[in-house]
Amino acid sequence: MSEKIFDDDFFQKLNTLKLSLNMRLNQGMSGARKSGAKGTSVEFSDFREYMLGDDIRRIDWNAYGRMDKLFIKQFMEEKEGIYHIFLDTSKSMDYGEPKKSRLAMQLAGAISYLVLNNLDRVYVTRVQENSLSEGKGLSGRNSYKRILAELGQVSFDGKTTLNRSIMSRNIKGRGCSVIISDFLDPAGIEPLLRYLKYKKQQIVLIQVLAREEVTIDKEGSLNLIDSETGDIVRVTVNRRMIETYNEQLEKHRHQLSLLAKRYEAGYIEAVADESIDKVLFTGMQSAGFVVAK
């Protein structure tokens, strides 16, 4: 899909936001976020006793005057945040008017921009039918054009297999994993949530559904075609059927919300015909994933 996914003035709005990564980091290159490791930044962390070979310039002479012992000042080392964006590129994401895929790509692009703007590192990975198309870890604002170019060429095809695909990624170190999907995988997602939690990830689930999946406005006999398998089911759409469908959709969303709480993940709902501004400035801010600068 080769198209421009943002308006020209959108980046000015993005510059008023930043991502909230609520964890100490212990790996990664030097960056702008606080790490659990001790380093040489300007933010004081703690004292420890002087040991032979320590830099004498870090001795706290005031503490020596009070306690007659040599102590070294320790400072908080700054590390880059590591973000993994998993973009569901199965065929079901290419449904709706407008298509779910467009908003999904906008979200992947916007989050990537915020990551790079904070001097963090981002991996944009496409998830499709038991496999991953793993993106290279990118950092620095100049990398954003490459991400936009790659997103512009994404094709949506195949089946949804979120668990097997994402769990095949060997994630190293703490960070944040964002999954953008309709989450219409019959297998559910609890195994991958358990895996990401084990990998010490802050998890964010962004569910994108088409307006046609949220609001049914047709009645009568219809042929429903599964976009991923091609299976055809003939149904009669009436008021009772619509009520049953809405109940099942609400149950599905509620179960996702409960899973998110169980694994301390963020859960954000979005509909494909909503503007990216609304999703960012309402949904994602309300969930605490982004905050105003």
Protein backbone atom coordinates (compact mmCIF):
# COMPACT_ATOMS: atom_id res chain seq x y z
CA MET A 1 0.00 0.00 0.00
CA SER A 2 1.79 3.11 -1.23
CA GLU A 3 0.13 6.27 0.02
CA LYS A 4 0.73 9.28 2.20
CA ILE A 5 -0.47 8.40 5.69
CA PHE A 6 -0.26 11.85 7.34
CA ASP A 7 -1.36 15.39 6.56
CA ASP A 8 1.42 17.97 6.34
CA ASP A 9 0.52 19.73 9.60
CA PHE A 10 0.18 16.53 11.64
CA PHE A 11 3.75 16.56 12.93
CA GLN A 12 3.24 19.93 14.60
CA LYS A 13 0.53 18.29 16.72
CA LEU A 14 2.75 15.29 17.44
CA ASN A 15 5.45 17.58 18.77
CA THR A 16 3.16 18.49 21.68
CA LEU A 17 3.15 14.87 22.93
CA LYS A 18 5.62 12.41 24.38
CA LEU A 19 5.41 8.73 25.28
CA SER A 20 5.25 7.53 28.87
CA LEU A 21 7.54 4.56 29.57
CA ASN A 22 7.06 3.75 33.25
CA MET A 23 10.00 1.50 34.02
CA ARG A 24 13.71 1.62 34.79
CA LEU A 25 15.90 0.36 31.96
CA ASN A 26 19.00 -1.77 32.30
CA GLN A 27 20.10 -2.25 28.69
CA GLY A 28 20.46 -0.25 25.53
CA MET A 29 22.64 2.57 24.28
CA SER A 30 22.93 5.94 25.99
CA GLY A 31 19.71 7.86 25.70
CA ALA A 32 17.25 10.14 27.44
CA ARG A 33 15.56 7.80 29.94
CA LYS A 34 16.66 6.89 33.45
CA SER A 35 18.28 3.49 33.93
CA GLY A 36 18.69 1.25 36.94
CA ALA A 37 22.43 1.21 36.19
CA LYS A 38 24.83 3.69 37.75
CA GLY A 39 26.64 6.00 35.39
CA THR A 40 27.84 9.54 34.88
CA SER A 41 24.73 11.62 34.25
CA VAL A 42 23.99 14.77 36.24
CA GLU A 43 21.16 13.22 38.28
CA PHE A 44 22.37 12.09 41.72
CA SER A 45 21.38 8.56 42.78
CA ASP A 46 23.21 7.35 45.89
CA PHE A 47 26.48 7.08 47.88
CA ARG A 48 28.80 4.14 48.36
CA GLU A 49 32.12 3.71 50.15
CA TYR A 50 35.29 4.58 48.26
CA MET A 51 37.19 1.61 46.78
CA LEU A 52 40.73 1.53 45.47
CA GLY A 53 40.73 2.59 41.83
CA ASP A 54 37.63 4.85 42.05
CA ASP A 55 37.77 8.28 40.46
CA ILE A 56 38.82 10.62 43.28
CA ARG A 57 36.93 13.46 41.58
CA ARG A 58 33.68 11.76 42.68
CA ILE A 59 34.59 11.71 46.38
CA ASP A 60 32.12 13.62 48.55
CA TRP A 61 34.44 15.65 50.82
CA ASN A 62 31.53 17.00 52.87
CA ALA A 63 30.59 13.44 53.83
CA TYR A 64 34.25 12.75 54.66
CA GLY A 65 34.32 15.76 56.99
CA ARG A 66 31.23 14.52 58.85
CA MET A 67 31.97 10.78 59.02
CA ASP A 68 35.74 10.53 58.54
CA LYS A 69 35.16 8.03 55.72
CA LEU A 70 35.51 8.35 51.97
CA PHE A 71 32.27 8.06 49.96
CA ILE A 72 31.71 8.14 46.21
CA LYS A 73 28.74 9.91 44.63
CA GLN A 74 26.75 7.73 42.23
CA PHE A 75 24.64 9.13 39.43
CA MET A 76 21.76 7.71 37.42
CA GLU A 77 22.85 6.51 34.01
CA GLU A 78 20.59 7.45 31.09
CA LYS A 79 19.59 4.72 28.62
CA GLU A 80 17.49 4.77 25.49
CA GLY A 81 14.01 3.28 25.69
CA ILE A 82 13.41 0.26 23.46
CA TYR A 83 10.04 0.07 21.72
CA HIS A 84 8.73 -2.88 19.72
CA ILE A 85 5.74 -2.06 17.52
CA PHE A 86 3.97 -5.20 16.27
CA LEU A 87 1.69 -4.34 13.34
CA ASP A 88 -0.91 -6.95 12.40
CA THR A 89 -0.76 -7.17 8.59
CA SER A 90 -3.22 -10.03 8.13
CA LYS A 91 -6.00 -9.84 5.55
CA SER A 92 -8.67 -9.02 8.15
CA MET A 93 -6.94 -5.67 8.74
CA ASP A 94 -7.64 -4.70 5.12
CA TYR A 95 -11.40 -4.49 5.74
CA GLY A 96 -13.80 -1.60 6.13
CA GLU A 97 -14.39 1.83 4.66
CA PRO A 98 -12.03 3.38 5.51
CA LYS A 99 -9.90 0.29 6.01
CA LYS A 100 -8.54 -0.68 9.40
CA SER A 101 -5.10 -0.92 7.83
CA ARG A 102 -4.88 2.83 7.24
CA LEU A 103 -5.44 3.82 10.88
CA ALA A 104 -3.16 0.97 11.99
CA MET A 105 -0.32 2.32 9.84
CA GLN A 106 -0.96 5.86 11.05
CA LEU A 107 -0.68 4.68 14.64
CA ALA A 108 2.53 2.78 13.92
CA GLY A 109 3.94 5.86 12.21
CA ALA A 110 2.89 8.29 14.94
CA ILE A 111 4.26 6.14 17.76
CA SER A 112 7.52 5.65 15.85
CA TYR A 113 7.85 9.41 15.45
CA LEU A 114 7.38 9.98 19.19
CA VAL A 115 9.94 7.28 19.99
CA LEU A 116 12.59 8.73 17.67
CA ASN A 117 11.83 12.27 18.79
CA ASN A 118 12.77 11.27 22.34
CA LEU A 119 16.07 9.74 21.16
CA ASP A 120 14.80 6.22 21.87
CA ARG A 121 15.00 3.13 19.62
CA VAL A 122 12.11 1.54 17.72
CA TYR A 123 11.57 -1.77 15.97
CA VAL A 124 8.56 -1.88 13.62
CA THR A 125 7.67 -5.53 13.02
CA ARG A 126 4.97 -6.80 10.66
CA VAL A 127 3.00 -9.80 11.94
CA GLN A 128 1.51 -12.16 9.38
CA GLU A 129 0.59 -15.86 9.34
CA ASN A 130 3.08 -17.59 11.68
CA SER A 131 5.92 -15.24 10.78
CA LEU A 132 7.43 -11.85 11.45
CA SER A 133 8.95 -9.35 9.10
CA GLU A 134 11.35 -7.93 11.65
CA GLY A 135 12.27 -4.30 11.25
CA LYS A 136 15.77 -3.08 12.03
CA GLY A 137 16.15 -1.18 15.28
CA LEU A 138 16.21 2.50 14.36
CA SER A 139 17.10 5.58 16.38
CA GLY A 140 17.61 9.25 15.59
CA ARG A 141 15.15 11.62 13.97
CA ASN A 142 16.69 11.07 10.53
CA SER A 143 15.46 7.46 10.59
CA TYR A 144 11.81 8.49 10.37
CA LYS A 145 11.72 8.84 6.59
CA ARG A 146 12.81 5.22 6.32
CA ILE A 147 9.97 4.08 8.60
CA LEU A 148 7.40 6.05 6.58
CA ALA A 149 8.72 4.58 3.34
CA GLU A 150 8.49 1.04 4.72
CA LEU A 151 4.97 1.58 6.09
CA GLY A 152 3.88 2.93 2.73
CA GLN A 153 4.80 -0.39 1.10
CA VAL A 154 3.10 -2.72 3.60
CA SER A 155 0.63 -5.23 2.15
CA PHE A 156 -2.12 -6.85 4.20
CA ASP A 157 -2.69 -10.51 3.44
CA GLY A 158 -2.80 -13.96 5.05
CA LYS A 159 -4.20 -15.18 8.37
CA THR A 160 -3.94 -13.88 11.93
CA THR A 161 -1.59 -15.87 14.19
CA LEU A 162 -0.53 -13.35 16.81
CA ASN A 163 0.65 -15.75 19.51
CA ARG A 164 3.02 -17.87 17.45
CA SER A 165 4.37 -14.93 15.47
CA ILE A 166 5.12 -12.53 18.32
CA MET A 167 6.45 -15.25 20.62
CA SER A 168 9.04 -16.11 17.96
CA ARG A 169 10.69 -12.73 18.56
CA ASN A 170 13.56 -13.00 21.03
CA ILE A 171 13.15 -9.75 22.96
CA LYS A 172 16.16 -8.70 25.05
CA GLY A 173 16.02 -6.27 27.94
CA ARG A 174 13.22 -4.18 29.37
CA GLY A 175 11.15 -2.01 27.09
CA CYS A 176 7.70 -1.41 25.67
CA SER A 177 5.80 -3.65 23.25
CA VAL A 178 2.88 -2.14 21.34
CA ILE A 179 0.53 -4.45 19.44
CA ILE A 180 -1.75 -2.88 16.82
CA SER A 181 -4.41 -5.33 15.66
CA ASP A 182 -8.12 -6.04 15.44
CA PHE A 183 -7.44 -8.99 17.80
CA LEU A 184 -9.91 -11.17 15.90
CA ASP A 185 -7.64 -14.18 16.34
CA PRO A 186 -9.70 -17.23 17.47
CA ALA A 187 -6.71 -18.40 19.55
CA GLY A 188 -6.82 -15.28 21.72
CA ILE A 189 -3.71 -13.49 22.95
CA GLU A 190 -3.05 -14.62 26.51
CA PRO A 191 0.04 -16.70 25.61
CA LEU A 192 1.75 -13.73 23.98
CA LEU A 193 0.84 -11.47 26.91
CA ARG A 194 2.37 -13.99 29.29
CA TYR A 195 5.49 -14.12 27.09
CA LEU A 196 5.88 -10.33 26.88
CA LYS A 197 5.39 -9.98 30.63
CA TYR A 198 8.12 -12.59 31.18
CA LYS A 199 10.34 -10.51 28.89
CA LYS A 200 9.79 -7.49 31.19
CA GLN A 201 7.81 -5.49 28.67
CA GLN A 202 5.40 -2.66 29.30
CA ILE A 203 2.54 -3.81 27.05
CA VAL A 204 0.11 -1.65 25.08
CA LEU A 205 -2.77 -3.18 23.09
CA ILE A 206 -4.41 -1.00 20.44
CA GLN A 207 -7.52 -2.59 18.95
CA VAL A 208 -8.60 -1.20 15.58
CA LEU A 209 -12.03 -2.23 14.30
CA ALA A 210 -13.93 -1.13 11.20
CA ARG A 211 -17.10 0.90 11.59
CA GLU A 212 -18.94 -1.94 9.83
CA GLU A 213 -17.78 -4.30 12.61
CA VAL A 214 -18.96 -1.96 15.35
CA THR A 215 -22.25 -0.78 13.85
CA ILE A 216 -24.33 -3.12 11.65
CA ASP A 217 -26.71 -1.21 9.40
CA LYS A 218 -27.81 -3.96 7.00
CA GLU A 219 -30.73 -6.38 7.24
CA GLY A 220 -31.93 -9.38 5.27
CA SER A 221 -30.16 -12.48 3.92
CA LEU A 222 -26.44 -11.92 3.42
CA ASN A 223 -23.38 -13.97 2.49
CA LEU A 224 -20.56 -13.30 4.97
CA ILE A 225 -17.09 -14.07 3.61
CA ASP A 226 -14.13 -14.65 5.94
CA SER A 227 -11.45 -12.44 4.39
CA GLU A 228 -8.62 -14.68 5.65
CA THR A 229 -9.98 -18.18 4.90
CA GLY A 230 -12.50 -17.46 2.15
CA ASP A 231 -15.21 -19.39 4.03
CA ILE A 232 -18.77 -18.27 3.24
CA VAL A 233 -21.59 -18.23 5.78
CA ARG A 234 -25.15 -17.28 4.83
CA VAL A 235 -26.97 -15.45 7.58
CA THR A 236 -30.26 -13.66 8.04
CA VAL A 237 -29.68 -10.28 9.64
CA ASN A 238 -32.55 -9.11 11.84
CA ARG A 239 -32.89 -7.17 15.08
CA ARG A 240 -32.33 -10.24 17.27
CA MET A 241 -29.23 -11.24 15.33
CA ILE A 242 -27.82 -7.71 15.63
CA GLU A 243 -28.43 -7.72 19.39
CA THR A 244 -26.63 -11.06 19.72
CA TYR A 245 -23.71 -9.79 17.64
CA ASN A 246 -23.40 -6.63 19.74
CA GLU A 247 -23.43 -8.73 22.92
CA GLN A 248 -20.61 -10.92 21.58
CA LEU A 249 -18.58 -7.92 20.46
CA GLU A 250 -18.93 -6.31 23.89
CA LYS A 251 -17.96 -9.62 25.51
CA HIS A 252 -14.86 -9.82 23.29
CA ARG A 253 -13.79 -6.29 24.17
CA HIS A 254 -14.46 -6.87 27.86
CA GLN A 255 -12.30 -10.00 27.82
CA LEU A 256 -9.48 -8.07 26.18
CA SER A 257 -9.80 -5.39 28.85
CA LEU A 258 -9.66 -7.99 31.63
CA LEU A 259 -6.59 -9.63 30.08
CA ALA A 260 -4.91 -6.24 29.84
CA LYS A 261 -5.53 -5.62 33.54
CA ARG A 262 -4.27 -9.08 34.48
CA TYR A 263 -0.96 -8.45 32.70
CA GLU A 264 -0.77 -4.74 33.62
CA ALA A 265 -1.11 -3.73 29.98
CA GLY A 266 -2.70 -0.65 28.44
CA TYR A 267 -5.77 -1.26 26.29
CA ILE A 268 -6.97 1.30 23.74
CA GLU A 269 -10.02 0.95 21.47
CA ALA A 270 -10.17 2.68 18.10
CA VAL A 271 -12.53 2.64 15.13
CA ALA A 272 -11.08 2.98 11.65
CA ASP A 273 -13.17 6.01 10.67
CA GLU A 274 -11.94 7.99 13.69
CA SER A 275 -9.22 10.56 13.10
CA ILE A 276 -5.69 9.77 14.25
CA ASP A 277 -5.92 12.97 16.31
CA LYS A 278 -8.84 11.57 18.32
CA VAL A 279 -7.07 8.27 18.99
CA LEU A 280 -3.88 10.03 20.10
CA PHE A 281 -5.27 12.95 22.06
CA THR A 282 -8.23 11.12 23.60
CA GLY A 283 -7.75 7.36 23.67
CA MET A 284 -3.99 7.13 24.14
CA GLN A 285 -3.78 10.09 26.53
CA SER A 286 -6.63 8.69 28.64
CA ALA A 287 -4.76 5.37 28.87
CA GLY A 288 -1.63 7.21 29.98
CA PHE A 289 0.46 5.95 27.06
CA VAL A 290 1.11 9.48 25.80
CA VAL A 291 1.26 12.70 27.81
CA ALA A 292 1.48 16.38 26.93
CA LYS A 293 4.96 17.89 26.99
